[in-house]
N, C-alpha and C. Protein backbone atom coordinates (compact mmCIF):
# COMPACT_ATOMS: atom_id res chain seq x y z
N UNK A 1 -8.10 47.60 -4.27
CA UNK A 1 -8.58 46.35 -4.82
C UNK A 1 -9.94 46.02 -4.22
N UNK A 2 -10.75 45.38 -5.02
CA UNK A 2 -12.04 44.95 -4.53
C UNK A 2 -12.07 43.43 -4.48
N UNK A 3 -13.16 42.91 -3.99
CA UNK A 3 -13.34 41.47 -3.84
C UNK A 3 -13.35 40.80 -5.22
N UNK A 4 -12.63 39.69 -5.38
CA UNK A 4 -12.62 38.98 -6.67
C UNK A 4 -14.03 38.54 -7.07
N UNK A 5 -14.27 38.50 -8.37
CA UNK A 5 -15.56 38.04 -8.88
C UNK A 5 -15.34 37.38 -10.23
N UNK A 6 -16.42 36.79 -10.75
CA UNK A 6 -16.38 36.13 -12.04
C UNK A 6 -17.40 36.77 -12.97
N UNK A 7 -17.12 36.68 -14.27
CA UNK A 7 -18.06 37.10 -15.29
C UNK A 7 -18.34 35.93 -16.22
N UNK A 8 -19.54 35.89 -16.75
CA UNK A 8 -19.95 34.85 -17.70
C UNK A 8 -19.88 35.46 -19.10
N UNK A 9 -18.78 35.19 -19.80
CA UNK A 9 -18.50 35.83 -21.08
C UNK A 9 -18.37 34.78 -22.18
N UNK A 10 -19.15 34.95 -23.23
CA UNK A 10 -19.08 34.08 -24.40
C UNK A 10 -19.17 32.60 -24.03
N UNK A 11 -20.06 32.31 -23.09
CA UNK A 11 -20.30 30.92 -22.69
C UNK A 11 -19.31 30.35 -21.69
N UNK A 12 -18.39 31.16 -21.21
CA UNK A 12 -17.40 30.70 -20.23
C UNK A 12 -17.48 31.54 -18.97
N UNK A 13 -17.20 30.91 -17.84
CA UNK A 13 -17.10 31.64 -16.58
C UNK A 13 -15.63 31.98 -16.37
N UNK A 14 -15.35 33.28 -16.26
CA UNK A 14 -13.97 33.75 -16.18
C UNK A 14 -13.73 34.51 -14.89
N UNK A 15 -12.61 34.23 -14.24
CA UNK A 15 -12.20 34.99 -13.06
C UNK A 15 -11.65 36.34 -13.51
N UNK A 16 -12.04 37.39 -12.81
CA UNK A 16 -11.52 38.73 -13.10
C UNK A 16 -10.32 38.96 -12.18
N UNK A 17 -9.12 38.98 -12.75
CA UNK A 17 -7.93 39.16 -11.92
C UNK A 17 -7.78 40.61 -11.44
N UNK A 18 -7.40 40.77 -10.20
CA UNK A 18 -7.10 42.08 -9.60
C UNK A 18 -8.16 43.14 -9.90
N UNK A 19 -9.43 42.87 -9.53
CA UNK A 19 -10.48 43.85 -9.84
C UNK A 19 -10.27 45.18 -9.13
N UNK A 20 -10.74 46.22 -9.78
CA UNK A 20 -10.67 47.58 -9.25
C UNK A 20 -12.10 48.08 -9.08
N UNK A 21 -12.45 48.65 -7.93
CA UNK A 21 -13.82 49.13 -7.73
C UNK A 21 -14.23 50.14 -8.81
N UNK A 22 -15.44 49.97 -9.31
CA UNK A 22 -15.99 50.91 -10.29
C UNK A 22 -15.51 50.74 -11.71
N UNK A 23 -14.75 49.69 -11.98
CA UNK A 23 -14.23 49.48 -13.33
C UNK A 23 -15.36 49.16 -14.30
N UNK A 24 -15.27 49.74 -15.49
CA UNK A 24 -16.29 49.48 -16.49
C UNK A 24 -16.12 48.08 -17.07
N UNK A 25 -17.21 47.55 -17.58
CA UNK A 25 -17.17 46.26 -18.25
C UNK A 25 -16.21 46.32 -19.43
N UNK A 26 -16.19 47.42 -20.15
CA UNK A 26 -15.28 47.60 -21.28
C UNK A 26 -13.82 47.41 -20.84
N UNK A 27 -13.44 48.05 -19.77
CA UNK A 27 -12.06 47.95 -19.27
C UNK A 27 -11.74 46.53 -18.85
N UNK A 28 -12.65 45.89 -18.15
CA UNK A 28 -12.41 44.52 -17.69
C UNK A 28 -12.29 43.58 -18.88
N UNK A 29 -13.18 43.70 -19.86
CA UNK A 29 -13.11 42.83 -21.03
C UNK A 29 -11.77 42.99 -21.75
N UNK A 30 -11.36 44.22 -21.98
CA UNK A 30 -10.14 44.48 -22.74
C UNK A 30 -8.87 44.24 -21.93
N UNK A 31 -8.79 44.85 -20.77
CA UNK A 31 -7.54 44.88 -20.02
C UNK A 31 -7.35 43.69 -19.08
N UNK A 32 -8.40 43.19 -18.52
CA UNK A 32 -8.28 42.08 -17.56
C UNK A 32 -8.48 40.72 -18.21
N UNK A 33 -9.37 40.66 -19.22
CA UNK A 33 -9.69 39.37 -19.82
C UNK A 33 -9.11 39.21 -21.22
N UNK A 34 -8.51 40.25 -21.77
CA UNK A 34 -7.83 40.16 -23.06
C UNK A 34 -8.75 40.06 -24.27
N UNK A 35 -10.01 40.44 -24.12
CA UNK A 35 -10.96 40.42 -25.23
C UNK A 35 -10.95 41.79 -25.90
N UNK A 36 -10.10 41.95 -26.87
CA UNK A 36 -9.83 43.25 -27.47
C UNK A 36 -10.79 43.64 -28.59
N UNK A 37 -11.75 42.78 -28.91
CA UNK A 37 -12.73 43.13 -29.93
C UNK A 37 -13.61 44.28 -29.50
N UNK A 38 -13.88 44.38 -28.22
CA UNK A 38 -14.64 45.49 -27.67
C UNK A 38 -13.73 46.70 -27.66
N UNK A 39 -14.07 47.72 -28.45
CA UNK A 39 -13.19 48.87 -28.63
C UNK A 39 -13.45 49.97 -27.61
N UNK A 40 -12.41 50.71 -27.29
CA UNK A 40 -12.49 51.88 -26.42
C UNK A 40 -12.42 53.11 -27.32
N UNK A 41 -13.47 53.93 -27.26
CA UNK A 41 -13.46 55.15 -28.07
C UNK A 41 -13.88 56.33 -27.22
N UNK A 42 -15.17 56.57 -27.10
CA UNK A 42 -15.62 57.79 -26.41
C UNK A 42 -15.70 57.62 -24.90
N UNK A 43 -15.91 56.41 -24.41
CA UNK A 43 -16.08 56.12 -22.98
C UNK A 43 -17.24 56.89 -22.36
N UNK A 44 -18.20 57.29 -23.20
CA UNK A 44 -19.37 58.04 -22.74
C UNK A 44 -20.69 57.47 -23.26
N UNK A 45 -20.65 56.32 -23.94
CA UNK A 45 -21.86 55.72 -24.46
C UNK A 45 -22.42 56.38 -25.70
N UNK A 46 -21.61 57.16 -26.39
CA UNK A 46 -22.08 57.92 -27.55
C UNK A 46 -21.78 57.25 -28.89
N UNK A 47 -20.75 56.39 -28.96
CA UNK A 47 -20.31 55.92 -30.27
C UNK A 47 -20.66 54.47 -30.59
N UNK A 48 -20.89 53.63 -29.59
CA UNK A 48 -21.24 52.24 -29.83
C UNK A 48 -20.08 51.31 -30.12
N UNK A 49 -18.86 51.80 -30.13
CA UNK A 49 -17.70 50.95 -30.42
C UNK A 49 -17.50 49.85 -29.37
N UNK A 50 -18.01 50.08 -28.18
CA UNK A 50 -17.84 49.12 -27.09
C UNK A 50 -19.08 48.24 -26.90
N UNK A 51 -19.96 48.17 -27.89
CA UNK A 51 -21.21 47.43 -27.76
C UNK A 51 -20.98 45.96 -27.47
N UNK A 52 -21.74 45.45 -26.50
CA UNK A 52 -21.78 44.04 -26.16
C UNK A 52 -23.24 43.67 -25.90
N UNK A 53 -23.50 42.38 -25.80
CA UNK A 53 -24.83 41.92 -25.41
C UNK A 53 -24.75 41.46 -23.96
N UNK A 54 -25.71 41.89 -23.16
CA UNK A 54 -25.84 41.44 -21.78
C UNK A 54 -27.22 40.82 -21.67
N UNK A 55 -27.25 39.50 -21.49
CA UNK A 55 -28.50 38.74 -21.54
C UNK A 55 -29.27 39.05 -22.82
N UNK A 56 -28.54 39.19 -23.93
CA UNK A 56 -29.15 39.44 -25.23
C UNK A 56 -29.50 40.88 -25.51
N UNK A 57 -29.33 41.76 -24.55
CA UNK A 57 -29.65 43.18 -24.72
C UNK A 57 -28.40 43.97 -25.07
N UNK A 58 -28.50 44.79 -26.10
CA UNK A 58 -27.37 45.61 -26.54
C UNK A 58 -27.06 46.68 -25.51
N UNK A 59 -25.79 46.77 -25.11
CA UNK A 59 -25.36 47.77 -24.14
C UNK A 59 -23.99 48.30 -24.51
N UNK A 60 -23.75 49.55 -24.14
CA UNK A 60 -22.41 50.13 -24.26
C UNK A 60 -21.64 49.72 -23.02
N UNK A 61 -20.62 48.91 -23.20
CA UNK A 61 -19.89 48.36 -22.05
C UNK A 61 -19.12 49.43 -21.28
N UNK A 62 -18.92 50.59 -21.88
CA UNK A 62 -18.24 51.67 -21.16
C UNK A 62 -19.13 52.28 -20.08
N UNK A 63 -20.44 52.05 -20.16
CA UNK A 63 -21.39 52.61 -19.19
C UNK A 63 -21.82 51.63 -18.12
N UNK A 64 -21.36 50.39 -18.21
CA UNK A 64 -21.77 49.33 -17.29
C UNK A 64 -20.62 49.00 -16.36
N UNK A 65 -20.88 49.01 -15.06
CA UNK A 65 -19.84 48.56 -14.13
C UNK A 65 -19.76 47.04 -14.19
N UNK A 66 -18.57 46.53 -14.35
CA UNK A 66 -18.37 45.09 -14.52
C UNK A 66 -18.94 44.30 -13.35
N UNK A 67 -18.74 44.76 -12.15
CA UNK A 67 -19.21 44.03 -10.98
C UNK A 67 -20.73 43.97 -10.90
N UNK A 68 -21.42 44.79 -11.68
CA UNK A 68 -22.88 44.81 -11.67
C UNK A 68 -23.49 43.74 -12.58
N UNK A 69 -22.67 43.07 -13.38
CA UNK A 69 -23.22 42.08 -14.32
C UNK A 69 -22.63 40.68 -14.09
N UNK A 70 -22.27 40.39 -12.85
CA UNK A 70 -21.64 39.10 -12.55
C UNK A 70 -22.58 37.92 -12.75
N UNK A 71 -23.87 38.14 -12.65
CA UNK A 71 -24.82 37.04 -12.77
C UNK A 71 -25.54 37.05 -14.12
N UNK A 72 -24.96 37.70 -15.10
CA UNK A 72 -25.60 37.82 -16.41
C UNK A 72 -24.68 37.29 -17.51
N UNK A 73 -25.29 36.91 -18.63
CA UNK A 73 -24.53 36.38 -19.77
C UNK A 73 -24.08 37.52 -20.67
N UNK A 74 -22.78 37.65 -20.83
CA UNK A 74 -22.18 38.71 -21.64
C UNK A 74 -21.67 38.08 -22.94
N UNK A 75 -22.00 38.71 -24.06
CA UNK A 75 -21.49 38.25 -25.35
C UNK A 75 -20.77 39.40 -26.03
N UNK A 76 -19.53 39.14 -26.41
CA UNK A 76 -18.73 40.11 -27.15
C UNK A 76 -18.66 39.67 -28.60
N UNK A 77 -18.06 40.46 -29.45
CA UNK A 77 -17.93 40.11 -30.86
C UNK A 77 -17.19 38.79 -31.02
N UNK A 78 -16.27 38.49 -30.12
CA UNK A 78 -15.51 37.23 -30.20
C UNK A 78 -16.40 36.01 -29.99
N UNK A 79 -17.54 36.19 -29.33
CA UNK A 79 -18.41 35.06 -29.00
C UNK A 79 -19.58 34.86 -29.94
N UNK A 80 -19.62 35.56 -31.06
CA UNK A 80 -20.80 35.50 -31.93
C UNK A 80 -20.79 34.37 -32.94
N UNK A 81 -19.66 33.99 -33.47
CA UNK A 81 -19.62 32.99 -34.53
C UNK A 81 -19.43 31.59 -34.01
N UNK A 82 -20.16 30.64 -34.59
CA UNK A 82 -20.01 29.24 -34.19
C UNK A 82 -18.66 28.68 -34.61
N UNK A 83 -18.18 29.09 -35.77
CA UNK A 83 -16.91 28.57 -36.27
C UNK A 83 -15.83 29.65 -36.31
N UNK A 84 -15.96 30.64 -35.43
CA UNK A 84 -14.97 31.70 -35.38
C UNK A 84 -15.37 32.96 -36.10
N UNK A 85 -16.29 32.86 -37.05
CA UNK A 85 -16.78 34.05 -37.76
C UNK A 85 -18.29 33.87 -37.98
N UNK A 86 -19.04 34.89 -37.66
CA UNK A 86 -20.49 34.80 -37.81
C UNK A 86 -20.91 35.17 -39.23
N UNK A 87 -22.15 34.86 -39.54
CA UNK A 87 -22.67 35.22 -40.87
C UNK A 87 -22.66 36.73 -41.07
N UNK A 88 -22.87 37.49 -40.00
CA UNK A 88 -22.84 38.95 -40.12
C UNK A 88 -21.41 39.44 -40.37
N UNK A 89 -20.44 38.88 -39.67
CA UNK A 89 -19.05 39.25 -39.92
C UNK A 89 -18.68 38.96 -41.38
N UNK A 90 -19.08 37.80 -41.85
CA UNK A 90 -18.77 37.41 -43.23
C UNK A 90 -19.42 38.40 -44.22
N UNK A 91 -20.68 38.76 -43.95
CA UNK A 91 -21.39 39.69 -44.83
C UNK A 91 -20.74 41.08 -44.83
N UNK A 92 -20.26 41.53 -43.68
CA UNK A 92 -19.58 42.82 -43.63
C UNK A 92 -18.36 42.81 -44.56
N UNK A 93 -17.62 41.73 -44.55
CA UNK A 93 -16.45 41.62 -45.42
C UNK A 93 -16.88 41.56 -46.88
N UNK A 94 -17.84 40.68 -47.19
CA UNK A 94 -18.27 40.49 -48.57
C UNK A 94 -18.91 41.74 -49.17
N UNK A 95 -19.59 42.53 -48.36
CA UNK A 95 -20.27 43.74 -48.85
C UNK A 95 -19.40 44.99 -48.78
N UNK A 96 -18.18 44.85 -48.31
CA UNK A 96 -17.29 46.00 -48.20
C UNK A 96 -17.72 46.98 -47.12
N UNK A 97 -18.32 46.46 -46.05
CA UNK A 97 -18.82 47.31 -44.96
C UNK A 97 -17.75 47.62 -43.92
N UNK A 98 -16.53 47.16 -44.17
CA UNK A 98 -15.43 47.39 -43.24
C UNK A 98 -14.41 48.30 -43.92
N UNK A 99 -14.11 49.41 -43.29
CA UNK A 99 -13.04 50.26 -43.83
C UNK A 99 -11.94 50.35 -42.79
N UNK A 100 -11.94 51.36 -41.94
CA UNK A 100 -10.85 51.42 -40.95
C UNK A 100 -11.02 50.30 -39.92
N UNK A 101 -12.26 49.87 -39.69
CA UNK A 101 -12.52 48.73 -38.82
C UNK A 101 -12.73 49.04 -37.36
N UNK A 102 -12.53 50.27 -36.95
CA UNK A 102 -12.62 50.57 -35.52
C UNK A 102 -14.03 50.37 -34.99
N UNK A 103 -15.04 50.78 -35.74
CA UNK A 103 -16.43 50.66 -35.28
C UNK A 103 -17.01 49.29 -35.56
N UNK A 104 -16.35 48.49 -36.38
CA UNK A 104 -16.91 47.25 -36.88
C UNK A 104 -17.36 46.27 -35.80
N UNK A 105 -16.57 45.99 -34.77
CA UNK A 105 -17.05 45.03 -33.76
C UNK A 105 -18.36 45.48 -33.10
N UNK A 106 -18.46 46.74 -32.75
CA UNK A 106 -19.69 47.24 -32.14
C UNK A 106 -20.87 47.17 -33.09
N UNK A 107 -20.65 47.49 -34.36
CA UNK A 107 -21.71 47.40 -35.36
C UNK A 107 -22.15 45.96 -35.57
N UNK A 108 -21.22 45.03 -35.56
CA UNK A 108 -21.57 43.62 -35.74
C UNK A 108 -22.39 43.12 -34.56
N UNK A 109 -22.01 43.48 -33.35
CA UNK A 109 -22.80 43.10 -32.17
C UNK A 109 -24.19 43.72 -32.27
N UNK A 110 -24.26 45.00 -32.65
CA UNK A 110 -25.56 45.68 -32.79
C UNK A 110 -26.40 45.02 -33.88
N UNK A 111 -25.78 44.60 -34.98
CA UNK A 111 -26.50 43.94 -36.06
C UNK A 111 -27.07 42.60 -35.59
N UNK A 112 -26.32 41.87 -34.78
CA UNK A 112 -26.84 40.62 -34.23
C UNK A 112 -28.08 40.88 -33.39
N UNK A 113 -28.01 41.87 -32.51
CA UNK A 113 -29.16 42.20 -31.67
C UNK A 113 -30.34 42.63 -32.54
N UNK A 114 -30.07 43.43 -33.54
CA UNK A 114 -31.11 43.92 -34.45
C UNK A 114 -31.81 42.76 -35.14
N UNK A 115 -31.06 41.85 -35.75
CA UNK A 115 -31.67 40.76 -36.49
C UNK A 115 -32.35 39.74 -35.59
N UNK A 116 -31.91 39.63 -34.34
CA UNK A 116 -32.62 38.77 -33.39
C UNK A 116 -34.01 39.33 -33.10
N UNK A 117 -34.11 40.65 -33.00
CA UNK A 117 -35.39 41.31 -32.70
C UNK A 117 -36.24 41.55 -33.94
N UNK A 118 -35.60 41.85 -35.06
CA UNK A 118 -36.31 42.23 -36.29
C UNK A 118 -35.72 41.46 -37.48
N UNK A 119 -36.05 40.18 -37.63
CA UNK A 119 -35.45 39.42 -38.72
C UNK A 119 -35.82 39.93 -40.11
N UNK A 120 -36.91 40.68 -40.21
CA UNK A 120 -37.34 41.25 -41.49
C UNK A 120 -37.18 42.76 -41.50
N UNK A 121 -36.15 43.26 -40.88
CA UNK A 121 -35.95 44.70 -40.70
C UNK A 121 -35.92 45.45 -42.03
N UNK A 122 -36.64 46.55 -42.04
CA UNK A 122 -36.60 47.45 -43.20
C UNK A 122 -35.34 48.32 -43.09
N UNK A 123 -35.04 49.02 -44.15
CA UNK A 123 -33.90 49.94 -44.13
C UNK A 123 -34.08 50.98 -43.04
N UNK A 124 -35.30 51.50 -42.89
CA UNK A 124 -35.55 52.49 -41.83
C UNK A 124 -35.31 51.91 -40.45
N UNK A 125 -35.74 50.66 -40.23
CA UNK A 125 -35.52 50.01 -38.93
C UNK A 125 -34.03 49.83 -38.68
N UNK A 126 -33.30 49.40 -39.69
CA UNK A 126 -31.85 49.22 -39.53
C UNK A 126 -31.20 50.56 -39.17
N UNK A 127 -31.57 51.60 -39.87
CA UNK A 127 -31.01 52.93 -39.57
C UNK A 127 -31.32 53.35 -38.13
N UNK A 128 -32.56 53.15 -37.70
CA UNK A 128 -32.95 53.51 -36.33
C UNK A 128 -32.16 52.70 -35.30
N UNK A 129 -32.08 51.40 -35.53
CA UNK A 129 -31.43 50.50 -34.57
C UNK A 129 -29.92 50.74 -34.48
N UNK A 130 -29.32 51.20 -35.55
CA UNK A 130 -27.87 51.44 -35.55
C UNK A 130 -27.51 52.88 -35.22
N UNK A 131 -28.49 53.68 -34.84
CA UNK A 131 -28.25 55.10 -34.57
C UNK A 131 -27.23 55.31 -33.45
N UNK A 132 -27.08 54.36 -32.56
CA UNK A 132 -26.12 54.49 -31.46
C UNK A 132 -24.71 54.03 -31.81
N UNK A 133 -24.51 53.62 -33.05
CA UNK A 133 -23.19 53.15 -33.49
C UNK A 133 -22.68 54.07 -34.60
N UNK A 134 -21.62 54.78 -34.30
CA UNK A 134 -21.08 55.75 -35.25
C UNK A 134 -19.98 55.14 -36.12
N UNK A 135 -20.03 55.49 -37.41
CA UNK A 135 -18.99 55.09 -38.36
C UNK A 135 -18.67 56.31 -39.20
N UNK A 136 -17.42 56.69 -39.22
CA UNK A 136 -17.05 57.88 -39.98
C UNK A 136 -16.53 57.56 -41.37
N UNK A 137 -16.41 56.28 -41.71
CA UNK A 137 -15.79 55.91 -42.99
C UNK A 137 -16.78 55.47 -44.07
N UNK A 138 -17.78 54.67 -43.72
CA UNK A 138 -18.55 53.96 -44.75
C UNK A 138 -19.77 54.69 -45.26
N UNK A 139 -20.34 55.60 -44.49
CA UNK A 139 -21.59 56.21 -44.91
C UNK A 139 -22.78 55.30 -44.69
N UNK A 140 -22.59 54.15 -44.09
CA UNK A 140 -23.62 53.21 -43.66
C UNK A 140 -24.28 52.41 -44.78
N UNK A 141 -24.18 52.81 -46.03
CA UNK A 141 -24.85 52.09 -47.11
C UNK A 141 -24.44 50.63 -47.18
N UNK A 142 -23.15 50.38 -47.15
CA UNK A 142 -22.67 48.99 -47.24
C UNK A 142 -22.96 48.20 -45.96
N UNK A 143 -23.00 48.89 -44.84
CA UNK A 143 -23.36 48.23 -43.58
C UNK A 143 -24.81 47.75 -43.66
N UNK A 144 -25.69 48.62 -44.14
CA UNK A 144 -27.10 48.26 -44.30
C UNK A 144 -27.24 47.13 -45.31
N UNK A 145 -26.50 47.18 -46.41
CA UNK A 145 -26.52 46.10 -47.40
C UNK A 145 -26.11 44.78 -46.77
N UNK A 146 -25.07 44.81 -45.95
CA UNK A 146 -24.60 43.58 -45.30
C UNK A 146 -25.67 43.00 -44.39
N UNK A 147 -26.31 43.84 -43.62
CA UNK A 147 -27.35 43.37 -42.70
C UNK A 147 -28.53 42.80 -43.48
N UNK A 148 -28.94 43.48 -44.55
CA UNK A 148 -30.04 42.96 -45.38
C UNK A 148 -29.66 41.63 -46.02
N UNK A 149 -28.42 41.48 -46.46
CA UNK A 149 -28.01 40.22 -47.09
C UNK A 149 -28.09 39.06 -46.10
N UNK A 150 -27.76 39.32 -44.84
CA UNK A 150 -27.86 38.28 -43.81
C UNK A 150 -29.33 37.94 -43.55
N UNK A 151 -30.17 38.96 -43.45
CA UNK A 151 -31.60 38.72 -43.22
C UNK A 151 -32.18 37.85 -44.33
N UNK A 152 -31.82 38.16 -45.57
CA UNK A 152 -32.31 37.38 -46.71
C UNK A 152 -31.81 35.95 -46.63
N UNK A 153 -30.53 35.77 -46.36
CA UNK A 153 -29.95 34.42 -46.28
C UNK A 153 -30.57 33.62 -45.14
N UNK A 154 -30.81 34.25 -44.01
CA UNK A 154 -31.41 33.53 -42.88
C UNK A 154 -32.83 33.09 -43.18
N UNK A 155 -33.55 33.86 -43.99
CA UNK A 155 -34.91 33.48 -44.38
C UNK A 155 -34.90 32.42 -45.46
N UNK A 156 -33.77 32.25 -46.11
CA UNK A 156 -33.68 31.29 -47.20
C UNK A 156 -34.03 31.89 -48.54
N UNK A 157 -34.29 33.20 -48.57
CA UNK A 157 -34.56 33.89 -49.84
C UNK A 157 -33.25 34.03 -50.59
N UNK A 158 -33.36 34.23 -51.85
CA UNK A 158 -32.18 34.55 -52.65
C UNK A 158 -32.47 35.86 -53.37
N UNK A 159 -31.53 36.80 -53.31
CA UNK A 159 -31.78 38.10 -53.96
C UNK A 159 -31.97 37.99 -55.46
């Protein structure tokens, strides 16, 4: 066991019960804090299923030691929507960008980071920015459509 610590997750300060030295942020979020939206897949930073925001920066939580981010703001997919569901989550559903759903939380977190940095993102920019998030079901077309629909809505344009 290691010394107890707290994490700042989705606007709340949470105690990490029974911490283990070297535990990944992904493991702590899922197993210690019960935030299951962050998915466990490759555990090597290759698939993006465990994507979270740390101080607004997209990171694979499987590569980050939880104890290393105690003084930083962590946002998971559960913390993105003001009313429980974000505009990006809604667009993924409306555009049919969700199939098996395993990659979806990581893609939604990545899409939030993308649109924060590039509100007028081109298709090429979206493809580049999502390169670290793998999806074996959708072929990415509907995911890109969902992200573009949110960008248009946020600008106030109508397709």
